[in-house]
Amino acid sequence: MKEFTGSNFYISSQIFIRKSQTKNSKPETVYICHSIKKFSFVKARHVFFVVLLVIVADQALKIWVKTHMPLSHSWDAFYHTPVSPYDNGIKVLGHKFQIYFVENEGMAWGWKFGGTFGKMALTLFRFTAVVFGIFYLRNIIQKKYHKGFIVCAALIFAGALGNLIDSLFYGLIFEESTFDHVARIFPAKGYASFLHGRVVDMLYFPLIRTHYPQWLPFVGGDEFEFFSPVFNVADASISVGVIAILIFQKKFFKKNPTDQPITVETNTTVDDKVQVS
């Protein structure tokens, strides 16, 4: 069997010869079976471009928010002196979509994890996950996994790396952000040490604001808001990657059926002097 590889095709060829039954028999027919399968390979540079696009978008928005906005608040107080035009956030689509600056020390979507020790443990976990992600992406690219799955894995990796950058370096390169102060970048001293930076979140979609029915136990009459978490581009990248894998997992991980050979009959003369490999 011969195999030929190209950038877009994988071709396997098989040549079979039927032996002559008698000396005077006619030249035998040669049957050539071709199994041709087309691939669309994802190369390392494509993955690098996806990761770079997410990181640039994530960090550019975070740096702009950090250096132009104080921590956002929804209250108005007569004693509060405005420190920027964005004290109450930025209404992009009215109240339905806002740039609302908050910081968190925990996981994606603002979830917290165990105080100072938990923050350090979470940062180290992110770092380990990112290092593992580099080798994992390299492995699935080399093994030519489904291109959709590779893109989803790249989105998850890029999101983890984006938030890791905040945790590693933002405490060193930024001042403290407060409700009354807009941080500067590259001060003489940052607001925290290495590994203790806070993740910058700003995307806020309070699409529904209402109250729980009074008859519900424990929460009856309380305010209900959907969607309440404030997140960032990196969080969104992780979520899109995970959700896409869950939705398309059958397509990403399906087993390829055995290729049915295509039989081509030719009238090539075959005798003892002809060598076919």
C-alpha atoms as a PDB file:
ATOM      1  CA  MET A   1       0.000   0.000   0.000  1.00  0.00           C
ATOM      2  CA  LYS A   2       1.260   3.469  -0.864  1.00  0.00           C
ATOM      3  CA  GLU A   3       0.397   6.605   1.046  1.00  0.00           C
ATOM      4  CA  PHE A   4       0.640  10.179  -0.205  1.00  0.00           C
ATOM      5  CA  THR A   5       0.202  13.212   2.001  1.00  0.00           C
ATOM      6  CA  GLY A   6      -0.482  16.817   1.096  1.00  0.00           C
ATOM      7  CA  SER A   7      -1.554  19.979   2.845  1.00  0.00           C
ATOM      8  CA  ASN A   8      -5.231  19.297   2.220  1.00  0.00           C
ATOM      9  CA  PHE A   9      -5.525  15.603   1.316  1.00  0.00           C
ATOM     10  CA  TYR A  10      -4.626  12.186   2.621  1.00  0.00           C
ATOM     11  CA  ILE A  11      -4.599   9.518  -0.079  1.00  0.00           C
ATOM     12  CA  SER A  12      -4.047   5.808   0.333  1.00  0.00           C
ATOM     13  CA  SER A  13      -3.725   3.568  -2.729  1.00  0.00           C
ATOM     14  CA  GLN A  14      -3.923  -0.190  -2.982  1.00  0.00           C
ATOM     15  CA  ILE A  15      -3.211  -2.273  -6.065  1.00  0.00           C
ATOM     16  CA  PHE A  16      -4.414  -5.858  -6.295  1.00  0.00           C
ATOM     17  CA  ILE A  17      -3.562  -8.417  -8.996  1.00  0.00           C
ATOM     18  CA  ARG A  18      -5.440 -11.638  -9.674  1.00  0.00           C
ATOM     19  CA  LYS A  19      -3.134 -14.531 -10.574  1.00  0.00           C
ATOM     20  CA  SER A  20      -3.538 -16.251 -13.935  1.00  0.00           C
ATOM     21  CA  GLN A  21      -5.322 -19.566 -13.798  1.00  0.00           C
ATOM     22  CA  THR A  22      -3.807 -20.992 -17.032  1.00  0.00           C
ATOM     23  CA  LYS A  23      -0.911 -20.253 -19.314  1.00  0.00           C
ATOM     24  CA  ASN A  24      -3.135 -19.168 -22.162  1.00  0.00           C
ATOM     25  CA  SER A  25      -5.373 -16.975 -20.102  1.00  0.00           C
ATOM     26  CA  LYS A  26      -5.857 -13.370 -21.082  1.00  0.00           C
ATOM     27  CA  PRO A  27      -3.993 -10.621 -19.304  1.00  0.00           C
ATOM     28  CA  GLU A  28      -5.515 -10.039 -15.903  1.00  0.00           C
ATOM     29  CA  THR A  29      -7.265  -6.873 -14.926  1.00  0.00           C
ATOM     30  CA  VAL A  30      -5.612  -4.593 -12.379  1.00  0.00           C
ATOM     31  CA  TYR A  31      -7.885  -3.198  -9.712  1.00  0.00           C
ATOM     32  CA  ILE A  32      -6.803   0.050  -8.067  1.00  0.00           C
ATOM     33  CA  CYS A  33      -8.595   1.126  -4.903  1.00  0.00           C
ATOM     34  CA  HIS A  34      -8.245   4.687  -3.716  1.00  0.00           C
ATOM     35  CA  SER A  35      -9.351   5.880  -0.305  1.00  0.00           C
ATOM     36  CA  ILE A  36      -9.298   9.678  -0.368  1.00  0.00           C
ATOM     37  CA  LYS A  37     -10.125  11.815   2.619  1.00  0.00           C
ATOM     38  CA  LYS A  38      -9.971  15.586   2.772  1.00  0.00           C
ATOM     39  CA  PHE A  39      -8.771  17.335   5.892  1.00  0.00           C
ATOM     40  CA  SER A  40      -8.771  20.978   6.904  1.00  0.00           C
ATOM     41  CA  PHE A  41      -5.831  21.195   9.260  1.00  0.00           C
ATOM     42  CA  VAL A  42      -5.514  23.769  12.022  1.00  0.00           C
ATOM     43  CA  LYS A  43      -1.910  24.882  12.275  1.00  0.00           C
ATOM     44  CA  ALA A  44      -0.099  26.312  15.271  1.00  0.00           C
ATOM     45  CA  ARG A  45      -0.109  29.807  13.787  1.00  0.00           C
ATOM     46  CA  HIS A  46      -3.917  29.747  13.576  1.00  0.00           C
ATOM     47  CA  VAL A  47      -4.155  28.864  17.266  1.00  0.00           C
ATOM     48  CA  PHE A  48      -1.602  31.562  18.107  1.00  0.00           C
ATOM     49  CA  PHE A  49      -3.705  34.127  16.233  1.00  0.00           C
ATOM     50  CA  VAL A  50      -6.875  33.156  18.146  1.00  0.00           C
ATOM     51  CA  VAL A  51      -5.078  33.355  21.500  1.00  0.00           C
ATOM     52  CA  LEU A  52      -3.392  36.659  20.590  1.00  0.00           C
ATOM     53  CA  LEU A  53      -6.700  38.196  19.477  1.00  0.00           C
ATOM     54  CA  VAL A  54      -8.402  37.332  22.774  1.00  0.00           C
ATOM     55  CA  ILE A  55      -5.441  38.504  24.903  1.00  0.00           C
ATOM     56  CA  VAL A  56      -5.116  41.839  23.079  1.00  0.00           C
ATOM     57  CA  ALA A  57      -8.857  42.554  23.300  1.00  0.00           C
ATOM     58  CA  ASP A  58      -9.004  41.494  26.960  1.00  0.00           C
ATOM     59  CA  GLN A  59      -5.951  43.411  28.144  1.00  0.00           C
ATOM     60  CA  ALA A  60      -6.652  46.545  26.099  1.00  0.00           C
ATOM     61  CA  LEU A  61     -10.125  46.879  27.610  1.00  0.00           C
ATOM     62  CA  LYS A  62      -8.880  46.122  31.125  1.00  0.00           C
ATOM     63  CA  ILE A  63      -6.056  48.670  30.938  1.00  0.00           C
ATOM     64  CA  TRP A  64      -8.391  51.353  29.578  1.00  0.00           C
ATOM     65  CA  VAL A  65     -10.948  50.712  32.325  1.00  0.00           C
ATOM     66  CA  LYS A  66      -8.299  50.607  35.038  1.00  0.00           C
ATOM     67  CA  THR A  67      -6.701  53.905  33.969  1.00  0.00           C
ATOM     68  CA  HIS A  68      -9.886  55.844  33.138  1.00  0.00           C
ATOM     69  CA  MET A  69     -12.509  54.731  35.644  1.00  0.00           C
ATOM     70  CA  PRO A  70     -12.804  54.562  39.422  1.00  0.00           C
ATOM     71  CA  LEU A  71     -14.594  51.565  40.857  1.00  0.00           C
ATOM     72  CA  SER A  72     -18.184  51.867  39.665  1.00  0.00           C
ATOM     73  CA  HIS A  73     -21.101  52.371  42.023  1.00  0.00           C
ATOM     74  CA  SER A  74     -24.831  52.625  41.540  1.00  0.00           C
ATOM     75  CA  TRP A  75     -25.515  55.076  44.344  1.00  0.00           C
ATOM     76  CA  ASP A  76     -25.528  58.866  44.180  1.00  0.00           C
ATOM     77  CA  ALA A  77     -24.445  60.708  47.311  1.00  0.00           C
ATOM     78  CA  PHE A  78     -24.421  64.457  47.792  1.00  0.00           C
ATOM     79  CA  TYR A  79     -21.050  64.250  49.541  1.00  0.00           C
ATOM     80  CA  HIS A  80     -19.378  62.315  46.753  1.00  0.00           C
ATOM     81  CA  THR A  81     -17.215  64.450  44.467  1.00  0.00           C
ATOM     82  CA  PRO A  82     -17.117  62.981  40.935  1.00  0.00           C
ATOM     83  CA  VAL A  83     -13.602  61.927  39.939  1.00  0.00           C
ATOM     84  CA  SER A  84     -14.361  61.000  36.327  1.00  0.00           C
ATOM     85  CA  PRO A  85     -17.254  61.023  33.851  1.00  0.00           C
ATOM     86  CA  TYR A  86     -17.583  57.293  34.498  1.00  0.00           C
ATOM     87  CA  ASP A  87     -18.213  57.139  38.254  1.00  0.00           C
ATOM     88  CA  ASN A  88     -21.473  55.266  37.708  1.00  0.00           C
ATOM     89  CA  GLY A  89     -20.177  53.194  34.850  1.00  0.00           C
ATOM     90  CA  ILE A  90     -20.850  53.641  31.143  1.00  0.00           C
ATOM     91  CA  LYS A  91     -24.307  52.973  29.741  1.00  0.00           C
ATOM     92  CA  VAL A  92     -23.613  51.333  26.381  1.00  0.00           C
ATOM     93  CA  LEU A  93     -27.168  50.155  25.682  1.00  0.00           C
ATOM     94  CA  GLY A  94     -29.060  51.931  28.425  1.00  0.00           C
ATOM     95  CA  HIS A  95     -29.309  49.788  31.553  1.00  0.00           C
ATOM     96  CA  LYS A  96     -29.191  46.535  29.592  1.00  0.00           C
ATOM     97  CA  PHE A  97     -25.449  46.649  28.818  1.00  0.00           C
ATOM     98  CA  GLN A  98     -22.973  48.640  30.875  1.00  0.00           C
ATOM     99  CA  ILE A  99     -19.235  49.004  31.358  1.00  0.00           C
ATOM    100  CA  TYR A 100     -19.228  48.685  35.134  1.00  0.00           C
ATOM    101  CA  PHE A 101     -15.790  48.503  36.760  1.00  0.00           C
ATOM    102  CA  VAL A 102     -15.303  46.050  39.604  1.00  0.00           C
ATOM    103  CA  GLU A 103     -12.309  44.030  40.763  1.00  0.00           C
ATOM    104  CA  ASN A 104     -12.262  40.546  42.203  1.00  0.00           C
ATOM    105  CA  GLU A 105      -9.672  38.335  43.837  1.00  0.00           C
ATOM    106  CA  GLY A 106     -11.292  35.093  42.855  1.00  0.00           C
ATOM    107  CA  MET A 107     -12.306  33.020  39.885  1.00  0.00           C
ATOM    108  CA  ALA A 108     -14.190  33.820  36.713  1.00  0.00           C
ATOM    109  CA  TRP A 109     -17.487  35.714  37.001  1.00  0.00           C
ATOM    110  CA  GLY A 110     -16.393  37.245  40.316  1.00  0.00           C
ATOM    111  CA  TRP A 111     -16.504  34.071  42.408  1.00  0.00           C
ATOM    112  CA  LYS A 112     -14.201  34.298  45.413  1.00  0.00           C
ATOM    113  CA  PHE A 113     -11.958  31.655  46.875  1.00  0.00           C
ATOM    114  CA  GLY A 114     -10.470  31.624  50.361  1.00  0.00           C
ATOM    115  CA  GLY A 115      -8.975  35.054  51.128  1.00  0.00           C
ATOM    116  CA  THR A 116      -5.263  35.830  50.696  1.00  0.00           C
ATOM    117  CA  PHE A 117      -4.121  32.225  50.820  1.00  0.00           C
ATOM    118  CA  GLY A 118      -6.902  31.189  48.462  1.00  0.00           C
ATOM    119  CA  LYS A 119      -5.914  34.002  46.086  1.00  0.00           C
ATOM    120  CA  MET A 120      -2.316  32.768  45.907  1.00  0.00           C
ATOM    121  CA  ALA A 121      -3.439  29.147  45.506  1.00  0.00           C
ATOM    122  CA  LEU A 122      -5.824  30.156  42.720  1.00  0.00           C
ATOM    123  CA  THR A 123      -3.099  32.116  40.900  1.00  0.00           C
ATOM    124  CA  LEU A 124      -0.726  29.153  41.094  1.00  0.00           C
ATOM    125  CA  PHE A 125      -3.491  26.875  39.846  1.00  0.00           C
ATOM    126  CA  ARG A 126      -4.084  29.214  36.901  1.00  0.00           C
ATOM    127  CA  PHE A 127      -0.374  29.234  36.148  1.00  0.00           C
ATOM    128  CA  THR A 128      -0.237  25.422  36.214  1.00  0.00           C
ATOM    129  CA  ALA A 129      -3.317  25.211  33.997  1.00  0.00           C
ATOM    130  CA  VAL A 130      -1.820  27.623  31.459  1.00  0.00           C
ATOM    131  CA  VAL A 131       1.462  25.663  31.295  1.00  0.00           C
ATOM    132  CA  PHE A 132      -0.506  22.436  30.840  1.00  0.00           C
ATOM    133  CA  GLY A 133      -2.614  24.172  28.198  1.00  0.00           C
ATOM    134  CA  ILE A 134       0.443  24.960  26.095  1.00  0.00           C
ATOM    135  CA  PHE A 135       1.421  21.293  25.876  1.00  0.00           C
ATOM    136  CA  TYR A 136      -2.180  20.179  25.421  1.00  0.00           C
ATOM    137  CA  LEU A 137      -2.763  22.538  22.494  1.00  0.00           C
ATOM    138  CA  ARG A 138       0.480  21.386  20.896  1.00  0.00           C
ATOM    139  CA  ASN A 139      -0.611  17.770  21.295  1.00  0.00           C
ATOM    140  CA  ILE A 140      -4.083  18.136  19.770  1.00  0.00           C
ATOM    141  CA  ILE A 141      -2.681  20.164  16.864  1.00  0.00           C
ATOM    142  CA  GLN A 142      -0.118  17.467  16.098  1.00  0.00           C
ATOM    143  CA  LYS A 143      -2.777  14.752  16.344  1.00  0.00           C
ATOM    144  CA  LYS A 144      -5.028  16.768  14.011  1.00  0.00           C
ATOM    145  CA  TYR A 145      -8.097  16.903  16.217  1.00  0.00           C
ATOM    146  CA  HIS A 146     -11.271  18.455  14.854  1.00  0.00           C
ATOM    147  CA  LYS A 147     -10.569  22.072  14.038  1.00  0.00           C
ATOM    148  CA  GLY A 148     -13.635  23.247  15.989  1.00  0.00           C
ATOM    149  CA  PHE A 149     -12.400  21.520  19.124  1.00  0.00           C
ATOM    150  CA  ILE A 150      -8.924  23.038  18.719  1.00  0.00           C
ATOM    151  CA  VAL A 151     -10.407  26.536  18.389  1.00  0.00           C
ATOM    152  CA  CYS A 152     -12.534  25.977  21.516  1.00  0.00           C
ATOM    153  CA  ALA A 153      -9.484  24.754  23.444  1.00  0.00           C
ATOM    154  CA  ALA A 154      -7.588  27.852  22.271  1.00  0.00           C
ATOM    155  CA  LEU A 155     -10.407  30.114  23.536  1.00  0.00           C
ATOM    156  CA  ILE A 156     -10.349  28.443  26.960  1.00  0.00           C
ATOM    157  CA  PHE A 157      -6.556  28.709  27.107  1.00  0.00           C
ATOM    158  CA  ALA A 158      -6.614  32.386  26.078  1.00  0.00           C
ATOM    159  CA  GLY A 159      -9.192  33.216  28.746  1.00  0.00           C
ATOM    160  CA  ALA A 160      -7.177  31.504  31.467  1.00  0.00           C
ATOM    161  CA  LEU A 161      -4.029  33.322  30.326  1.00  0.00           C
ATOM    162  CA  GLY A 162      -5.813  36.682  30.251  1.00  0.00           C
ATOM    163  CA  ASN A 163      -6.926  36.429  33.880  1.00  0.00           C
ATOM    164  CA  LEU A 164      -3.558  35.004  34.906  1.00  0.00           C
ATOM    165  CA  ILE A 165      -1.859  38.173  33.628  1.00  0.00           C
ATOM    166  CA  ASP A 166      -4.052  40.231  35.986  1.00  0.00           C
ATOM    167  CA  SER A 167      -3.243  38.014  38.957  1.00  0.00           C
ATOM    168  CA  LEU A 168       0.497  37.989  38.304  1.00  0.00           C
ATOM    169  CA  PHE A 169       1.244  41.576  37.349  1.00  0.00           C
ATOM    170  CA  TYR A 170      -1.595  44.051  37.979  1.00  0.00           C
ATOM    171  CA  GLY A 171      -0.691  44.455  41.650  1.00  0.00           C
ATOM    172  CA  LEU A 172       2.815  45.489  40.583  1.00  0.00           C
ATOM    173  CA  ILE A 173       2.035  47.846  37.689  1.00  0.00           C
ATOM    174  CA  PHE A 174      -1.098  49.682  38.895  1.00  0.00           C
ATOM    175  CA  GLU A 175      -2.155  51.882  41.763  1.00  0.00           C
ATOM    176  CA  GLU A 176      -5.113  50.967  43.921  1.00  0.00           C
ATOM    177  CA  SER A 177      -8.495  51.671  42.341  1.00  0.00           C
ATOM    178  CA  THR A 178     -11.170  53.046  44.673  1.00  0.00           C
ATOM    179  CA  PHE A 179     -14.520  54.778  44.333  1.00  0.00           C
ATOM    180  CA  ASP A 180     -12.660  58.109  44.678  1.00  0.00           C
ATOM    181  CA  HIS A 181      -9.486  57.433  42.726  1.00  0.00           C
ATOM    182  CA  VAL A 182      -8.551  56.461  39.182  1.00  0.00           C
ATOM    183  CA  ALA A 183      -5.428  54.299  39.156  1.00  0.00           C
ATOM    184  CA  ARG A 184      -2.260  55.163  37.273  1.00  0.00           C
ATOM    185  CA  ILE A 185      -0.153  52.627  35.461  1.00  0.00           C
ATOM    186  CA  PHE A 186       3.522  52.067  36.400  1.00  0.00           C
ATOM    187  CA  PRO A 187       3.586  53.941  39.725  1.00  0.00           C
ATOM    188  CA  ALA A 188       6.605  53.908  42.030  1.00  0.00           C
ATOM    189  CA  LYS A 189       4.881  51.164  44.002  1.00  0.00           C
ATOM    190  CA  GLY A 190       1.931  49.021  43.055  1.00  0.00           C
ATOM    191  CA  TYR A 191      -1.049  48.165  45.206  1.00  0.00           C
ATOM    192  CA  ALA A 192      -0.072  44.512  45.811  1.00  0.00           C
ATOM    193  CA  SER A 193       2.762  42.029  45.484  1.00  0.00           C
ATOM    194  CA  PHE A 194       3.436  39.443  42.799  1.00  0.00           C
ATOM    195  CA  LEU A 195       0.651  36.813  42.524  1.00  0.00           C
ATOM    196  CA  HIS A 196      -1.808  39.053  44.402  1.00  0.00           C
ATOM    197  CA  GLY A 197      -3.191  41.219  41.615  1.00  0.00           C
ATOM    198  CA  ARG A 198      -6.956  41.571  41.313  1.00  0.00           C
ATOM    199  CA  VAL A 199      -8.811  40.622  38.142  1.00  0.00           C
ATOM    200  CA  VAL A 200     -10.520  43.535  36.358  1.00  0.00           C
ATOM    201  CA  ASP A 201     -14.152  42.951  35.362  1.00  0.00           C
ATOM    202  CA  MET A 202     -16.379  45.367  33.492  1.00  0.00           C
ATOM    203  CA  LEU A 203     -19.001  43.721  31.243  1.00  0.00           C
ATOM    204  CA  TYR A 204     -22.405  43.941  32.897  1.00  0.00           C
ATOM    205  CA  PHE A 205     -25.720  42.805  31.383  1.00  0.00           C
ATOM    206  CA  PRO A 206     -28.598  43.369  33.851  1.00  0.00           C
ATOM    207  CA  LEU A 207     -31.223  42.329  31.321  1.00  0.00           C
ATOM    208  CA  ILE A 208     -34.029  41.667  33.809  1.00  0.00           C
ATOM    209  CA  ARG A 209     -34.668  43.401  37.101  1.00  0.00           C
ATOM    210  CA  THR A 210     -37.668  42.373  39.145  1.00  0.00           C
ATOM    211  CA  HIS A 211     -38.599  40.836  42.512  1.00  0.00           C
ATOM    212  CA  TYR A 212     -39.238  37.305  43.668  1.00  0.00           C
ATOM    213  CA  PRO A 213     -42.904  36.550  44.413  1.00  0.00           C
ATOM    214  CA  GLN A 214     -43.850  37.177  48.019  1.00  0.00           C
ATOM    215  CA  TRP A 215     -44.986  33.574  48.515  1.00  0.00           C
ATOM    216  CA  LEU A 216     -41.511  32.118  47.890  1.00  0.00           C
ATOM    217  CA  PRO A 217     -39.827  31.045  51.146  1.00  0.00           C
ATOM    218  CA  PHE A 218     -36.572  32.785  52.186  1.00  0.00           C
ATOM    219  CA  VAL A 219     -36.326  35.059  49.116  1.00  0.00           C
ATOM    220  CA  GLY A 220     -39.920  36.248  48.786  1.00  0.00           C
ATOM    221  CA  GLY A 221     -39.977  39.949  47.894  1.00  0.00           C
ATOM    222  CA  ASP A 222     -36.205  40.164  47.392  1.00  0.00           C
ATOM    223  CA  GLU A 223     -34.797  41.777  44.276  1.00  0.00           C
ATOM    224  CA  PHE A 224     -33.989  39.448  41.373  1.00  0.00           C
ATOM    225  CA  GLU A 225     -31.595  40.378  38.608  1.00  0.00           C
ATOM    226  CA  PHE A 226     -30.596  38.509  35.475  1.00  0.00           C
ATOM    227  CA  PHE A 227     -27.754  38.620  34.475  1.00  0.00           C
ATOM    228  CA  SER A 228     -26.013  39.856  37.653  1.00  0.00           C
ATOM    229  CA  PRO A 229     -22.332  38.755  37.380  1.00  0.00           C
ATOM    230  CA  VAL A 230     -19.855  41.289  36.013  1.00  0.00           C
ATOM    231  CA  PHE A 231     -17.237  39.639  33.815  1.00  0.00           C
ATOM    232  CA  ASN A 232     -14.509  40.370  31.267  1.00  0.00           C
ATOM    233  CA  VAL A 233     -13.430  39.276  27.783  1.00  0.00           C
ATOM    234  CA  ALA A 234     -11.297  36.449  29.196  1.00  0.00           C
ATOM    235  CA  ASP A 235     -14.278  35.042  31.142  1.00  0.00           C
ATOM    236  CA  ALA A 236     -16.408  35.245  28.003  1.00  0.00           C
ATOM    237  CA  SER A 237     -13.728  33.439  25.994  1.00  0.00           C
ATOM    238  CA  ILE A 238     -13.627  30.575  28.508  1.00  0.00           C
ATOM    239  CA  SER A 239     -17.425  30.308  28.580  1.00  0.00           C
ATOM    240  CA  VAL A 240     -17.788  30.321  24.787  1.00  0.00           C
ATOM    241  CA  GLY A 241     -15.159  27.579  24.475  1.00  0.00           C
ATOM    242  CA  VAL A 242     -16.744  25.358  27.140  1.00  0.00           C
ATOM    243  CA  ILE A 243     -20.326  25.841  25.913  1.00  0.00           C
ATOM    244  CA  ALA A 244     -19.344  25.164  22.288  1.00  0.00           C
ATOM    245  CA  ILE A 245     -17.606  21.909  23.289  1.00  0.00           C
ATOM    246  CA  LEU A 246     -20.723  20.793  25.196  1.00  0.00           C
ATOM    247  CA  ILE A 247     -23.018  21.629  22.275  1.00  0.00           C
ATOM    248  CA  PHE A 248     -20.875  20.157  19.500  1.00  0.00           C
ATOM    249  CA  GLN A 249     -19.183  17.317  21.367  1.00  0.00           C
ATOM    250  CA  LYS A 250     -20.721  14.636  19.135  1.00  0.00           C
ATOM    251  CA  LYS A 251     -19.326  16.363  16.079  1.00  0.00           C
ATOM    252  CA  PHE A 252     -15.927  17.053  17.645  1.00  0.00           C
ATOM    253  CA  PHE A 253     -15.381  13.522  18.953  1.00  0.00           C
ATOM    254  CA  LYS A 254     -17.266  11.334  16.497  1.00  0.00           C
ATOM    255  CA  LYS A 255     -15.484   8.319  15.073  1.00  0.00           C
ATOM    256  CA  ASN A 256     -14.812   8.421  11.371  1.00  0.00           C
ATOM    257  CA  PRO A 257     -16.589   5.582   9.555  1.00  0.00           C
ATOM    258  CA  THR A 258     -14.437   3.149   7.615  1.00  0.00           C
ATOM    259  CA  ASP A 259     -13.830   4.560   4.183  1.00  0.00           C
ATOM    260  CA  GLN A 260     -15.451   2.604   1.387  1.00  0.00           C
ATOM    261  CA  PRO A 261     -12.892   1.992  -1.345  1.00  0.00           C
ATOM    262  CA  ILE A 262     -13.575   3.192  -4.847  1.00  0.00           C
ATOM    263  CA  THR A 263     -12.775   0.452  -7.358  1.00  0.00           C
ATOM    264  CA  VAL A 264     -11.345   1.512 -10.700  1.00  0.00           C
ATOM    265  CA  GLU A 265     -10.940  -1.128 -13.402  1.00  0.00           C
ATOM    266  CA  THR A 266      -8.220  -0.723 -16.047  1.00  0.00           C
ATOM    267  CA  ASN A 267      -7.106  -2.827 -18.980  1.00  0.00           C
ATOM    268  CA  THR A 268      -3.429  -2.751 -18.099  1.00  0.00           C
ATOM    269  CA  THR A 269      -1.604  -5.912 -19.196  1.00  0.00           C
ATOM    270  CA  VAL A 270       0.013  -7.763 -16.328  1.00  0.00           C
ATOM    271  CA  ASP A 271       2.617 -10.528 -16.801  1.00  0.00           C
ATOM    272  CA  ASP A 272       5.665 -11.836 -15.008  1.00  0.00           C
ATOM    273  CA  LYS A 273       7.805  -8.972 -16.276  1.00  0.00           C
ATOM    274  CA  VAL A 274       5.604  -6.289 -14.770  1.00  0.00           C
ATOM    275  CA  GLN A 275       6.281  -5.379 -11.131  1.00  0.00           C
ATOM    276  CA  VAL A 276       3.552  -3.761  -9.139  1.00  0.00           C
ATOM    277  CA  SER A 277       4.156  -2.450  -5.618  1.00  0.00           C
END
